[in-house]
Amino acid sequence: MFKTSVITLAFVLAFAAGNVLAGNCNNDNFSGTYTRIDAPFDVFGDGSVVNQHVFTLTLNADGSARQDWTGFLDYAINTGAGTAAIGSWKCRADGKLVVTLLATLYLPVAADPNLGTVQDITLYRHQRITILFNVNNPNKLTRIQSRSRTYLPGADPTNLTGGTLGSLSNTQIVYNRIVASDADLLAP
């Protein structure tokens, strides 16, 4: 009996320690800014301009969220652009983090020779993005699911059932917190 009790207690403690070490949205102080490196991007598809872009996700203590992508303004007149994705976050009962963001995408439009206008960009789509994260620890989040809903320029992107629902992505991507460091200031 004693041996069974010890084994049971060891199992319960190991399970509890695993859950604590795994992180939990409801318990960890994870507000801050996280980054992930995007795959190198061939801007024009011919290898002439290959840029490395970064996603930054900021989760504020008040529940607001913002995600930026450094590639949005690369060659905006030729390739289009987008806005920062603004929204909010909340913790689920299972300890996972849900982030919902709204963004706008723009595409280039050709010059109108009759009006003497130059090439510009115009509203293409609104996009609502919902992302599910595991909180690995206060300095690391892992995106485990994401899905977008796109809206035509004249549609209301706050309509939860409007637009066109995209496919569910289960691609896991790690976001790491930007941690303040004075190492560069102390370097010779």
Protein backbone atom coordinates (compact mmCIF):
# COMPACT_ATOMS: atom_id res chain seq x y z
CA MET A 1 0.00 0.00 0.00
CA PHE A 2 2.79 2.41 0.95
CA LYS A 3 4.63 1.68 -2.31
CA THR A 4 1.48 2.38 -4.35
CA SER A 5 0.88 5.64 -2.46
CA VAL A 6 4.48 6.79 -3.07
CA ILE A 7 4.26 5.98 -6.79
CA THR A 8 0.91 7.78 -7.06
CA LEU A 9 2.28 10.82 -5.22
CA ALA A 10 5.37 10.87 -7.46
CA PHE A 11 3.17 10.73 -10.56
CA VAL A 12 0.94 13.58 -9.32
CA LEU A 13 3.97 15.74 -8.45
CA ALA A 14 5.62 15.05 -11.81
CA PHE A 15 2.39 15.92 -13.64
CA ALA A 16 1.96 19.13 -11.61
CA ALA A 17 5.59 20.14 -12.18
CA GLY A 18 5.19 19.51 -15.91
CA ASN A 19 2.14 21.76 -16.01
CA VAL A 20 3.92 24.50 -14.05
CA LEU A 21 7.01 24.34 -16.26
CA ALA A 22 4.87 24.37 -19.39
CA GLY A 23 3.52 27.83 -18.57
CA ASN A 24 -0.03 29.02 -18.29
CA CYS A 25 -1.74 32.08 -19.68
CA ASN A 26 -3.74 32.48 -16.47
CA ASN A 27 -0.69 32.44 -14.16
CA ASP A 28 2.33 33.79 -16.08
CA ASN A 29 3.20 37.46 -16.44
CA PHE A 30 3.73 37.40 -20.21
CA SER A 31 2.74 40.95 -21.21
CA GLY A 32 5.45 42.40 -23.43
CA THR A 33 6.76 42.30 -26.97
CA TYR A 34 7.61 39.05 -28.76
CA THR A 35 9.28 38.53 -32.12
CA ARG A 36 9.59 35.88 -34.74
CA ILE A 37 11.76 35.91 -37.83
CA ASP A 38 9.89 35.42 -41.09
CA ALA A 39 11.37 33.34 -43.90
CA PRO A 40 13.56 35.38 -46.26
CA PHE A 41 11.29 37.08 -48.80
CA ASP A 42 12.10 37.45 -52.49
CA VAL A 43 10.31 40.76 -53.05
CA PHE A 44 10.07 40.62 -56.86
CA GLY A 45 10.41 36.86 -57.32
CA ASP A 46 13.64 37.16 -59.34
CA GLY A 47 16.24 37.13 -56.54
CA SER A 48 17.14 40.80 -57.06
CA VAL A 49 15.83 41.87 -53.63
CA VAL A 50 15.69 39.32 -50.79
CA ASN A 51 14.81 40.81 -47.42
CA GLN A 52 14.62 39.34 -43.93
CA HIS A 53 11.47 40.50 -42.15
CA VAL A 54 10.38 40.33 -38.53
CA PHE A 55 6.96 39.99 -36.90
CA THR A 56 6.55 41.78 -33.58
CA LEU A 57 3.61 40.97 -31.31
CA THR A 58 2.95 43.25 -28.35
CA LEU A 59 0.60 42.05 -25.62
CA ASN A 60 -0.34 44.82 -23.20
CA ALA A 61 -1.45 44.25 -19.60
CA ASP A 62 -4.83 45.89 -20.40
CA GLY A 63 -5.68 43.09 -22.88
CA SER A 64 -4.87 45.03 -26.04
CA ALA A 65 -2.59 43.57 -28.71
CA ARG A 66 -0.68 44.74 -31.77
CA GLN A 67 1.25 42.82 -34.40
CA ASP A 68 3.54 44.48 -36.95
CA TRP A 69 5.43 43.02 -39.90
CA THR A 70 8.52 44.85 -41.14
CA GLY A 71 7.80 43.81 -44.74
CA PHE A 72 4.56 45.77 -45.14
CA LEU A 73 6.20 48.92 -46.45
CA ASP A 74 8.86 47.27 -48.64
CA TYR A 75 8.21 48.58 -52.14
CA ALA A 76 4.62 49.51 -51.22
CA ILE A 77 3.94 51.25 -54.54
CA ASN A 78 4.93 48.09 -56.45
CA THR A 79 3.84 45.28 -54.14
CA GLY A 80 1.15 46.74 -51.87
CA ALA A 81 1.16 47.37 -48.15
CA GLY A 82 -0.71 46.75 -44.94
CA THR A 83 -1.43 48.22 -41.57
CA ALA A 84 -0.45 47.02 -38.15
CA ALA A 85 -2.85 44.38 -36.85
CA ILE A 86 -4.65 45.76 -33.80
CA GLY A 87 -6.82 43.80 -31.39
CA SER A 88 -6.98 42.09 -28.04
CA TRP A 89 -6.01 38.96 -26.15
CA LYS A 90 -7.53 36.78 -23.46
CA CYS A 91 -6.67 33.65 -21.51
CA ARG A 92 -8.76 30.54 -22.00
CA ALA A 93 -9.72 28.28 -19.10
CA ASP A 94 -7.23 25.66 -20.37
CA GLY A 95 -4.31 28.11 -19.98
CA LYS A 96 -3.92 28.86 -23.69
CA LEU A 97 -3.77 32.41 -25.06
CA VAL A 98 -6.16 33.67 -27.77
CA VAL A 99 -5.29 36.79 -29.77
CA THR A 100 -7.69 38.40 -32.27
CA LEU A 101 -6.38 41.13 -34.56
CA LEU A 102 -7.79 43.35 -37.34
CA ALA A 103 -5.58 44.54 -40.21
CA THR A 104 -5.98 46.13 -43.62
CA LEU A 105 -4.22 45.14 -46.85
CA TYR A 106 -3.54 47.45 -49.82
CA LEU A 107 -2.62 46.66 -53.44
CA PRO A 108 -0.97 48.84 -56.06
CA VAL A 109 -3.08 50.50 -58.74
CA ALA A 110 -1.81 51.66 -62.11
CA ALA A 111 -1.46 55.31 -63.01
CA ASP A 112 -4.39 56.89 -64.85
CA PRO A 113 -2.97 58.70 -67.88
CA ASN A 114 -6.25 60.60 -68.34
CA LEU A 115 -5.97 62.13 -64.88
CA GLY A 116 -2.20 62.50 -64.83
CA THR A 117 -2.01 60.47 -61.61
CA VAL A 118 0.94 58.40 -60.48
CA GLN A 119 0.85 54.79 -59.40
CA ASP A 120 -0.55 54.42 -55.90
CA ILE A 121 -2.04 51.86 -53.51
CA THR A 122 -5.70 51.24 -52.66
CA LEU A 123 -7.70 49.30 -50.08
CA TYR A 124 -7.81 45.63 -51.05
CA ARG A 125 -9.12 43.68 -48.06
CA HIS A 126 -9.70 43.82 -44.33
CA GLN A 127 -8.52 40.80 -42.40
CA ARG A 128 -9.40 39.44 -38.96
CA ILE A 129 -6.79 37.03 -37.64
CA THR A 130 -7.35 34.71 -34.67
CA ILE A 131 -4.30 33.03 -33.18
CA LEU A 132 -4.06 30.39 -30.44
CA PHE A 133 -0.82 30.22 -28.44
CA ASN A 134 0.68 27.94 -25.83
CA VAL A 135 2.39 30.03 -23.16
CA ASN A 136 5.61 28.00 -22.85
CA ASN A 137 6.93 30.36 -20.19
CA PRO A 138 6.82 34.15 -19.69
CA ASN A 139 9.48 34.60 -22.42
CA LYS A 140 8.23 32.20 -25.09
CA LEU A 141 4.90 31.71 -26.85
CA THR A 142 4.19 29.03 -29.43
CA ARG A 143 1.52 29.67 -32.03
CA ILE A 144 -0.35 26.38 -32.36
CA GLN A 145 -3.29 27.46 -34.53
CA SER A 146 -4.33 30.44 -36.62
CA ARG A 147 -7.13 31.32 -38.96
CA SER A 148 -8.04 34.44 -40.90
CA ARG A 149 -11.32 35.83 -42.13
CA THR A 150 -11.08 38.26 -45.07
CA TYR A 151 -13.54 41.00 -45.94
CA LEU A 152 -14.07 42.94 -49.17
CA PRO A 153 -13.31 46.68 -48.94
CA GLY A 154 -16.99 47.61 -48.42
CA ALA A 155 -17.70 44.89 -45.83
CA ASP A 156 -17.69 45.28 -42.04
CA PRO A 157 -14.61 43.49 -40.59
CA THR A 158 -16.15 43.55 -37.11
CA ASN A 159 -18.95 41.21 -38.29
CA LEU A 160 -17.90 37.94 -36.62
CA THR A 161 -19.64 35.77 -39.22
CA GLY A 162 -19.08 37.96 -42.29
CA GLY A 163 -16.38 37.80 -44.90
CA THR A 164 -14.72 34.61 -46.05
CA LEU A 165 -13.26 32.21 -43.51
CA GLY A 166 -9.84 30.85 -44.47
CA SER A 167 -8.40 27.44 -43.70
CA LEU A 168 -7.12 26.51 -40.25
CA SER A 169 -3.34 26.49 -39.89
CA ASN A 170 -1.75 24.18 -37.34
CA THR A 171 1.80 25.28 -38.20
CA GLN A 172 3.67 25.89 -34.96
CA ILE A 173 5.75 29.07 -34.78
CA VAL A 174 7.73 30.24 -31.76
CA TYR A 175 7.64 33.87 -30.63
CA ASN A 176 10.38 34.99 -28.20
CA ARG A 177 10.08 37.95 -25.85
CA ILE A 178 12.39 40.88 -26.41
CA VAL A 179 14.26 41.02 -23.11
CA ALA A 180 15.92 44.26 -22.06
CA SER A 181 19.69 43.99 -21.85
CA ASP A 182 22.48 46.50 -21.31
CA ALA A 183 25.11 44.14 -22.83
CA ASP A 184 25.70 46.44 -25.84
CA LEU A 185 26.20 49.40 -23.54
CA LEU A 186 28.83 47.50 -21.56
CA ALA A 187 30.69 46.16 -24.61
CA PRO A 188 34.17 47.62 -25.22
